[in-house]
Amino acid sequence: MLREILDVLQDDPSSQRRWFHDDYFDLFVRQTAGELAAFELCYGIHSSERALVWSAGRGYFHDGDPLEADPIIGRFERASYGLPEVLRLALSARLREYILRKAEVPARRTRFRRAAWQQTGGKQNPKDQSRIS
């Protein structure tokens, strides 16, 4: 089950950055006025890490080896039952949309790289930027 990591660096007063983690997933979200504005679903943490990325206005990207959507998304849905309901429902809708559109989703790079704040739990220089902005 995904659990929230608290005290995440907040770099934009108009939105909230959140981080959820379990043994397989890291989920980084940005919410604006309580609505999902962006997410990075990182998976395969202990093997070859990959990430499905979405943001309003930019759409979807995938980092890492090709995504086998159905097993990852099913596994995520089982892990997400502890998330706040509004967030869980918004993420489920985005993931279903991704399954329908995955042929159109570009890969940005073959290897996923975390932003500095995602590696340190937010203890970084506030001038550093994340891909979720």
N, C-alpha and C. Protein backbone atom coordinates (compact mmCIF):
# COMPACT_ATOMS: atom_id res chain seq x y z
N MET A 1 0.84 -1.18 0.00
CA MET A 1 0.00 0.00 0.00
C MET A 1 0.89 1.25 0.00
N LEU A 2 0.54 2.20 -0.82
CA LEU A 2 1.28 3.46 -0.88
C LEU A 2 1.02 4.29 0.37
N ARG A 3 2.08 4.81 0.92
CA ARG A 3 1.99 5.68 2.10
C ARG A 3 2.62 7.03 1.75
N GLU A 4 2.05 8.08 2.32
CA GLU A 4 2.55 9.43 2.01
C GLU A 4 3.83 9.73 2.77
N ILE A 5 4.80 10.30 2.04
CA ILE A 5 6.03 10.82 2.63
C ILE A 5 5.74 12.29 2.94
N LEU A 6 5.92 12.67 4.17
CA LEU A 6 5.60 14.04 4.59
C LEU A 6 6.82 14.95 4.47
N ASP A 7 6.62 16.23 4.64
CA ASP A 7 7.68 17.24 4.60
C ASP A 7 8.39 17.29 3.26
N VAL A 8 7.63 17.19 2.17
CA VAL A 8 8.18 17.29 0.82
C VAL A 8 8.37 18.76 0.49
N LEU A 9 9.46 19.07 -0.18
CA LEU A 9 9.75 20.44 -0.58
C LEU A 9 8.57 21.03 -1.36
N GLN A 10 8.07 22.16 -0.91
CA GLN A 10 6.99 22.88 -1.59
C GLN A 10 7.60 24.11 -2.24
N ASP A 11 7.62 24.14 -3.55
CA ASP A 11 8.32 25.20 -4.27
C ASP A 11 7.39 26.17 -5.00
N ASP A 12 6.07 25.94 -4.89
CA ASP A 12 5.12 26.77 -5.62
C ASP A 12 3.90 26.98 -4.72
N PRO A 13 3.68 28.20 -4.24
CA PRO A 13 2.57 28.43 -3.32
C PRO A 13 1.19 28.21 -3.94
N SER A 14 1.10 28.13 -5.26
CA SER A 14 -0.21 27.94 -5.90
C SER A 14 -0.58 26.46 -6.05
N SER A 15 0.34 25.56 -5.66
CA SER A 15 0.04 24.13 -5.77
C SER A 15 0.70 23.37 -4.63
N GLN A 16 0.33 22.10 -4.51
CA GLN A 16 0.89 21.24 -3.47
C GLN A 16 1.58 20.05 -4.13
N ARG A 17 2.80 19.80 -3.73
CA ARG A 17 3.56 18.64 -4.19
C ARG A 17 3.42 17.55 -3.13
N ARG A 18 3.13 16.31 -3.57
CA ARG A 18 2.98 15.19 -2.64
C ARG A 18 3.78 13.99 -3.15
N TRP A 19 4.18 13.11 -2.21
CA TRP A 19 4.97 11.93 -2.54
C TRP A 19 4.39 10.75 -1.78
N PHE A 20 4.10 9.67 -2.51
CA PHE A 20 3.61 8.43 -1.93
C PHE A 20 4.57 7.31 -2.33
N HIS A 21 4.77 6.34 -1.43
CA HIS A 21 5.79 5.31 -1.67
C HIS A 21 5.34 3.96 -1.13
N ASP A 22 5.74 2.89 -1.83
CA ASP A 22 5.70 1.53 -1.27
C ASP A 22 6.92 0.79 -1.80
N ASP A 23 6.95 -0.52 -1.67
CA ASP A 23 8.13 -1.28 -2.07
C ASP A 23 8.37 -1.29 -3.58
N TYR A 24 7.36 -0.99 -4.38
CA TYR A 24 7.50 -1.06 -5.83
C TYR A 24 7.33 0.29 -6.53
N PHE A 25 6.51 1.15 -5.96
CA PHE A 25 6.16 2.42 -6.59
C PHE A 25 6.63 3.63 -5.78
N ASP A 26 6.95 4.68 -6.50
CA ASP A 26 7.00 6.03 -5.97
C ASP A 26 6.04 6.82 -6.83
N LEU A 27 5.15 7.54 -6.19
CA LEU A 27 4.18 8.36 -6.90
C LEU A 27 4.39 9.79 -6.45
N PHE A 28 4.70 10.66 -7.40
CA PHE A 28 4.88 12.08 -7.14
C PHE A 28 3.73 12.81 -7.83
N VAL A 29 3.00 13.61 -7.08
CA VAL A 29 1.87 14.33 -7.66
C VAL A 29 1.98 15.82 -7.36
N ARG A 30 1.35 16.58 -8.22
CA ARG A 30 1.20 18.02 -8.00
C ARG A 30 -0.30 18.27 -8.09
N GLN A 31 -0.85 18.93 -7.07
CA GLN A 31 -2.27 19.28 -7.05
C GLN A 31 -2.41 20.79 -6.98
N THR A 32 -3.35 21.30 -7.74
CA THR A 32 -3.69 22.71 -7.74
C THR A 32 -5.15 22.82 -7.35
N ALA A 33 -5.43 23.55 -6.29
CA ALA A 33 -6.80 23.69 -5.77
C ALA A 33 -7.44 22.33 -5.56
N GLY A 34 -6.66 21.36 -5.09
CA GLY A 34 -7.16 20.02 -4.82
C GLY A 34 -7.30 19.11 -6.03
N GLU A 35 -7.08 19.65 -7.21
CA GLU A 35 -7.20 18.87 -8.46
C GLU A 35 -5.83 18.37 -8.90
N LEU A 36 -5.80 17.19 -9.50
CA LEU A 36 -4.57 16.62 -10.03
C LEU A 36 -4.07 17.46 -11.20
N ALA A 37 -2.86 17.99 -11.10
CA ALA A 37 -2.28 18.80 -12.16
C ALA A 37 -1.14 18.07 -12.88
N ALA A 38 -0.48 17.12 -12.18
CA ALA A 38 0.62 16.38 -12.77
C ALA A 38 0.94 15.19 -11.88
N PHE A 39 1.53 14.15 -12.50
CA PHE A 39 2.04 13.03 -11.71
C PHE A 39 3.19 12.35 -12.41
N GLU A 40 4.02 11.69 -11.61
CA GLU A 40 5.05 10.76 -12.08
C GLU A 40 4.83 9.48 -11.31
N LEU A 41 4.53 8.40 -12.01
CA LEU A 41 4.39 7.10 -11.39
C LEU A 41 5.66 6.32 -11.72
N CYS A 42 6.55 6.21 -10.74
CA CYS A 42 7.83 5.53 -10.91
C CYS A 42 7.67 4.10 -10.41
N TYR A 43 8.18 3.14 -11.17
CA TYR A 43 8.04 1.74 -10.79
C TYR A 43 9.27 0.96 -11.20
N GLY A 44 9.39 -0.24 -10.63
CA GLY A 44 10.60 -1.02 -10.86
C GLY A 44 11.77 -0.44 -10.09
N ILE A 45 11.51 0.07 -8.90
CA ILE A 45 12.49 0.80 -8.11
C ILE A 45 13.78 0.02 -7.92
N HIS A 46 13.67 -1.29 -7.69
CA HIS A 46 14.86 -2.09 -7.38
C HIS A 46 15.47 -2.77 -8.59
N SER A 47 14.87 -2.63 -9.75
CA SER A 47 15.44 -3.25 -10.96
C SER A 47 15.78 -2.16 -11.95
N SER A 48 15.07 -2.09 -13.05
CA SER A 48 15.31 -1.00 -14.00
C SER A 48 14.15 -0.02 -13.88
N GLU A 49 14.40 1.06 -13.19
CA GLU A 49 13.33 2.02 -12.88
C GLU A 49 12.79 2.67 -14.14
N ARG A 50 11.48 2.82 -14.16
CA ARG A 50 10.76 3.46 -15.26
C ARG A 50 9.75 4.43 -14.65
N ALA A 51 9.19 5.30 -15.50
CA ALA A 51 8.20 6.26 -14.98
C ALA A 51 7.21 6.62 -16.07
N LEU A 52 5.94 6.65 -15.69
CA LEU A 52 4.88 7.18 -16.52
C LEU A 52 4.60 8.57 -15.98
N VAL A 53 4.66 9.56 -16.85
CA VAL A 53 4.55 10.97 -16.46
C VAL A 53 3.37 11.60 -17.19
N TRP A 54 2.57 12.36 -16.46
CA TRP A 54 1.48 13.12 -17.07
C TRP A 54 1.43 14.49 -16.43
N SER A 55 1.13 15.49 -17.25
CA SER A 55 0.83 16.82 -16.71
C SER A 55 -0.20 17.48 -17.60
N ALA A 56 -1.05 18.27 -16.98
CA ALA A 56 -2.08 19.00 -17.71
C ALA A 56 -1.40 19.91 -18.73
N GLY A 57 -1.88 19.91 -19.93
CA GLY A 57 -1.32 20.75 -20.97
C GLY A 57 -0.18 20.12 -21.75
N ARG A 58 0.52 19.16 -21.16
CA ARG A 58 1.62 18.49 -21.84
C ARG A 58 1.28 17.06 -22.23
N GLY A 59 0.42 16.42 -21.46
CA GLY A 59 0.03 15.04 -21.74
C GLY A 59 0.97 14.03 -21.11
N TYR A 60 1.10 12.87 -21.76
CA TYR A 60 1.83 11.73 -21.23
C TYR A 60 3.21 11.59 -21.84
N PHE A 61 4.12 11.05 -21.04
CA PHE A 61 5.45 10.63 -21.49
C PHE A 61 5.78 9.37 -20.73
N HIS A 62 6.66 8.57 -21.29
CA HIS A 62 7.12 7.39 -20.58
C HIS A 62 8.64 7.38 -20.61
N ASP A 63 9.26 7.18 -19.46
CA ASP A 63 10.72 7.10 -19.34
C ASP A 63 11.10 5.67 -18.98
N GLY A 64 12.07 5.13 -19.68
CA GLY A 64 12.56 3.79 -19.39
C GLY A 64 12.14 2.80 -20.45
N ASP A 65 12.34 1.53 -20.17
CA ASP A 65 11.96 0.47 -21.10
C ASP A 65 10.48 0.54 -21.39
N PRO A 66 10.01 -0.07 -22.48
CA PRO A 66 8.58 -0.02 -22.82
C PRO A 66 7.69 -0.48 -21.68
N LEU A 67 6.59 0.23 -21.52
CA LEU A 67 5.63 -0.04 -20.45
C LEU A 67 4.66 -1.13 -20.88
N GLU A 68 4.53 -2.14 -20.07
CA GLU A 68 3.47 -3.13 -20.23
C GLU A 68 2.34 -2.62 -19.34
N ALA A 69 1.44 -1.87 -19.92
CA ALA A 69 0.46 -1.08 -19.16
C ALA A 69 -0.42 -1.91 -18.24
N ASP A 70 -1.00 -2.96 -18.72
CA ASP A 70 -2.00 -3.66 -17.92
C ASP A 70 -1.44 -4.20 -16.60
N PRO A 71 -0.31 -4.94 -16.58
CA PRO A 71 0.17 -5.44 -15.28
C PRO A 71 0.57 -4.32 -14.32
N ILE A 72 1.23 -3.28 -14.83
CA ILE A 72 1.67 -2.18 -13.96
C ILE A 72 0.47 -1.42 -13.42
N ILE A 73 -0.48 -1.14 -14.28
CA ILE A 73 -1.64 -0.38 -13.84
C ILE A 73 -2.49 -1.18 -12.87
N GLY A 74 -2.66 -2.47 -13.11
CA GLY A 74 -3.38 -3.33 -12.16
C GLY A 74 -2.68 -3.37 -10.82
N ARG A 75 -1.35 -3.49 -10.86
CA ARG A 75 -0.57 -3.52 -9.62
C ARG A 75 -0.69 -2.18 -8.89
N PHE A 76 -0.66 -1.07 -9.64
CA PHE A 76 -0.81 0.24 -9.03
C PHE A 76 -2.20 0.39 -8.40
N GLU A 77 -3.24 -0.04 -9.09
CA GLU A 77 -4.58 0.10 -8.53
C GLU A 77 -4.73 -0.67 -7.22
N ARG A 78 -4.08 -1.83 -7.10
CA ARG A 78 -4.12 -2.56 -5.84
C ARG A 78 -3.35 -1.82 -4.74
N ALA A 79 -2.25 -1.19 -5.11
CA ALA A 79 -1.43 -0.47 -4.13
C ALA A 79 -2.04 0.87 -3.74
N SER A 80 -2.93 1.40 -4.56
CA SER A 80 -3.43 2.78 -4.36
C SER A 80 -4.65 2.89 -3.46
N TYR A 81 -5.16 1.77 -2.93
CA TYR A 81 -6.41 1.87 -2.18
C TYR A 81 -6.30 2.75 -0.94
N GLY A 82 -5.10 3.01 -0.44
CA GLY A 82 -4.94 3.87 0.72
C GLY A 82 -4.80 5.35 0.40
N LEU A 83 -4.74 5.70 -0.89
CA LEU A 83 -4.64 7.10 -1.27
C LEU A 83 -5.94 7.83 -0.98
N PRO A 84 -5.88 9.15 -0.78
CA PRO A 84 -7.12 9.92 -0.66
C PRO A 84 -8.01 9.65 -1.88
N GLU A 85 -9.30 9.46 -1.64
CA GLU A 85 -10.22 9.02 -2.70
C GLU A 85 -10.21 9.93 -3.93
N VAL A 86 -10.24 11.22 -3.74
CA VAL A 86 -10.26 12.14 -4.87
C VAL A 86 -9.02 11.94 -5.74
N LEU A 87 -7.88 11.81 -5.11
CA LEU A 87 -6.63 11.60 -5.83
C LEU A 87 -6.62 10.23 -6.51
N ARG A 88 -7.04 9.19 -5.80
CA ARG A 88 -7.07 7.84 -6.37
C ARG A 88 -7.96 7.77 -7.60
N LEU A 89 -9.13 8.39 -7.55
CA LEU A 89 -10.05 8.38 -8.69
C LEU A 89 -9.48 9.16 -9.87
N ALA A 90 -8.84 10.30 -9.61
CA ALA A 90 -8.24 11.09 -10.68
C ALA A 90 -7.10 10.31 -11.34
N LEU A 91 -6.27 9.65 -10.54
CA LEU A 91 -5.17 8.86 -11.10
C LEU A 91 -5.70 7.68 -11.90
N SER A 92 -6.72 7.00 -11.40
CA SER A 92 -7.30 5.87 -12.14
C SER A 92 -7.83 6.31 -13.49
N ALA A 93 -8.47 7.47 -13.53
CA ALA A 93 -8.99 7.98 -14.80
C ALA A 93 -7.85 8.27 -15.77
N ARG A 94 -6.78 8.88 -15.28
CA ARG A 94 -5.63 9.18 -16.14
C ARG A 94 -4.96 7.90 -16.64
N LEU A 95 -4.85 6.89 -15.79
CA LEU A 95 -4.22 5.63 -16.19
C LEU A 95 -5.06 4.88 -17.21
N ARG A 96 -6.38 4.91 -17.05
CA ARG A 96 -7.26 4.30 -18.07
C ARG A 96 -7.11 5.04 -19.40
N GLU A 97 -7.04 6.36 -19.34
CA GLU A 97 -6.84 7.15 -20.56
C GLU A 97 -5.51 6.78 -21.21
N TYR A 98 -4.48 6.59 -20.40
CA TYR A 98 -3.18 6.20 -20.95
C TYR A 98 -3.26 4.87 -21.69
N ILE A 99 -3.94 3.89 -21.12
CA ILE A 99 -4.08 2.59 -21.78
C ILE A 99 -4.70 2.76 -23.16
N LEU A 100 -5.71 3.61 -23.26
CA LEU A 100 -6.38 3.83 -24.55
C LEU A 100 -5.50 4.56 -25.55
N ARG A 101 -4.58 5.40 -25.06
CA ARG A 101 -3.77 6.24 -25.95
C ARG A 101 -2.30 5.85 -26.00
N LYS A 102 -1.89 4.73 -25.42
CA LYS A 102 -0.47 4.46 -25.23
C LYS A 102 0.34 4.42 -26.53
N ALA A 103 -0.29 4.09 -27.63
CA ALA A 103 0.45 4.08 -28.90
C ALA A 103 0.90 5.49 -29.29
N GLU A 104 0.22 6.51 -28.79
CA GLU A 104 0.55 7.90 -29.11
C GLU A 104 1.55 8.52 -28.13
N VAL A 105 1.89 7.81 -27.07
CA VAL A 105 2.71 8.38 -25.99
C VAL A 105 4.19 8.23 -26.33
N PRO A 106 4.89 9.36 -26.41
CA PRO A 106 6.32 9.27 -26.72
C PRO A 106 7.15 8.88 -25.51
N ALA A 107 8.29 8.26 -25.79
CA ALA A 107 9.27 7.99 -24.73
C ALA A 107 10.25 9.15 -24.76
N ARG A 108 10.52 9.75 -23.60
CA ARG A 108 11.45 10.88 -23.56
C ARG A 108 12.89 10.41 -23.56
N ARG A 109 13.16 9.32 -22.89
CA ARG A 109 14.52 8.79 -22.82
C ARG A 109 14.44 7.32 -22.41
N THR A 110 15.51 6.58 -22.63
CA THR A 110 15.49 5.16 -22.31
C THR A 110 15.80 4.86 -20.86
N ARG A 111 16.36 5.80 -20.14
CA ARG A 111 16.68 5.60 -18.73
C ARG A 111 16.04 6.72 -17.92
N PHE A 112 15.34 6.34 -16.85
CA PHE A 112 14.67 7.31 -16.00
C PHE A 112 15.66 7.91 -15.01
N ARG A 113 15.57 9.22 -14.81
CA ARG A 113 16.40 9.90 -13.81
C ARG A 113 15.50 10.71 -12.89
N ARG A 114 15.69 10.53 -11.60
CA ARG A 114 14.91 11.28 -10.62
C ARG A 114 15.46 12.69 -10.46
N ALA A 115 14.55 13.62 -10.18
CA ALA A 115 14.96 14.98 -9.82
C ALA A 115 15.59 14.93 -8.43
N ALA A 116 16.39 15.92 -8.09
CA ALA A 116 17.09 15.94 -6.81
C ALA A 116 16.13 15.82 -5.63
N TRP A 117 15.01 16.54 -5.65
CA TRP A 117 14.09 16.49 -4.51
C TRP A 117 13.48 15.11 -4.36
N GLN A 118 13.37 14.35 -5.45
CA GLN A 118 12.80 13.01 -5.39
C GLN A 118 13.79 12.01 -4.80
N GLN A 119 15.05 12.33 -4.80
CA GLN A 119 16.07 11.46 -4.23
C GLN A 119 16.31 11.73 -2.76
N THR A 120 16.06 12.95 -2.33
CA THR A 120 16.44 13.35 -0.97
C THR A 120 15.25 13.59 -0.05
N GLY A 121 14.05 13.44 -0.56
CA GLY A 121 12.89 13.71 0.29
C GLY A 121 12.62 15.18 0.47
N GLY A 122 13.17 16.01 -0.40
CA GLY A 122 12.87 17.42 -0.36
C GLY A 122 13.92 18.26 0.33
N LYS A 123 14.97 17.65 0.85
CA LYS A 123 16.01 18.43 1.52
C LYS A 123 17.05 18.83 0.48
N GLN A 124 16.79 19.94 -0.19
CA GLN A 124 17.66 20.41 -1.26
C GLN A 124 17.61 21.92 -1.33
N ASN A 125 18.37 22.44 -2.24
CA ASN A 125 18.37 23.87 -2.51
C ASN A 125 17.03 24.24 -3.15
N PRO A 126 16.29 25.20 -2.62
CA PRO A 126 14.98 25.55 -3.17
C PRO A 126 15.03 26.03 -4.61
N LYS A 127 16.19 26.40 -5.13
CA LYS A 127 16.28 26.82 -6.53
C LYS A 127 16.24 25.65 -7.50
N ASP A 128 16.48 24.41 -7.00
CA ASP A 128 16.43 23.23 -7.87
C ASP A 128 14.99 23.01 -8.33
N GLN A 129 14.83 22.48 -9.53
CA GLN A 129 13.51 22.29 -10.10
C GLN A 129 13.22 20.82 -10.32
N SER A 130 11.98 20.43 -10.25
CA SER A 130 11.52 19.08 -10.57
C SER A 130 10.87 19.11 -11.94
N ARG A 131 10.70 17.94 -12.55
CA ARG A 131 9.96 17.87 -13.80
C ARG A 131 8.49 18.17 -13.55
N ILE A 132 8.01 17.91 -12.35
CA ILE A 132 6.61 18.26 -12.03
C ILE A 132 6.64 19.69 -11.52
N SER A 133 6.32 20.62 -12.39
CA SER A 133 6.36 22.02 -11.97
C SER A 133 5.04 22.69 -12.19
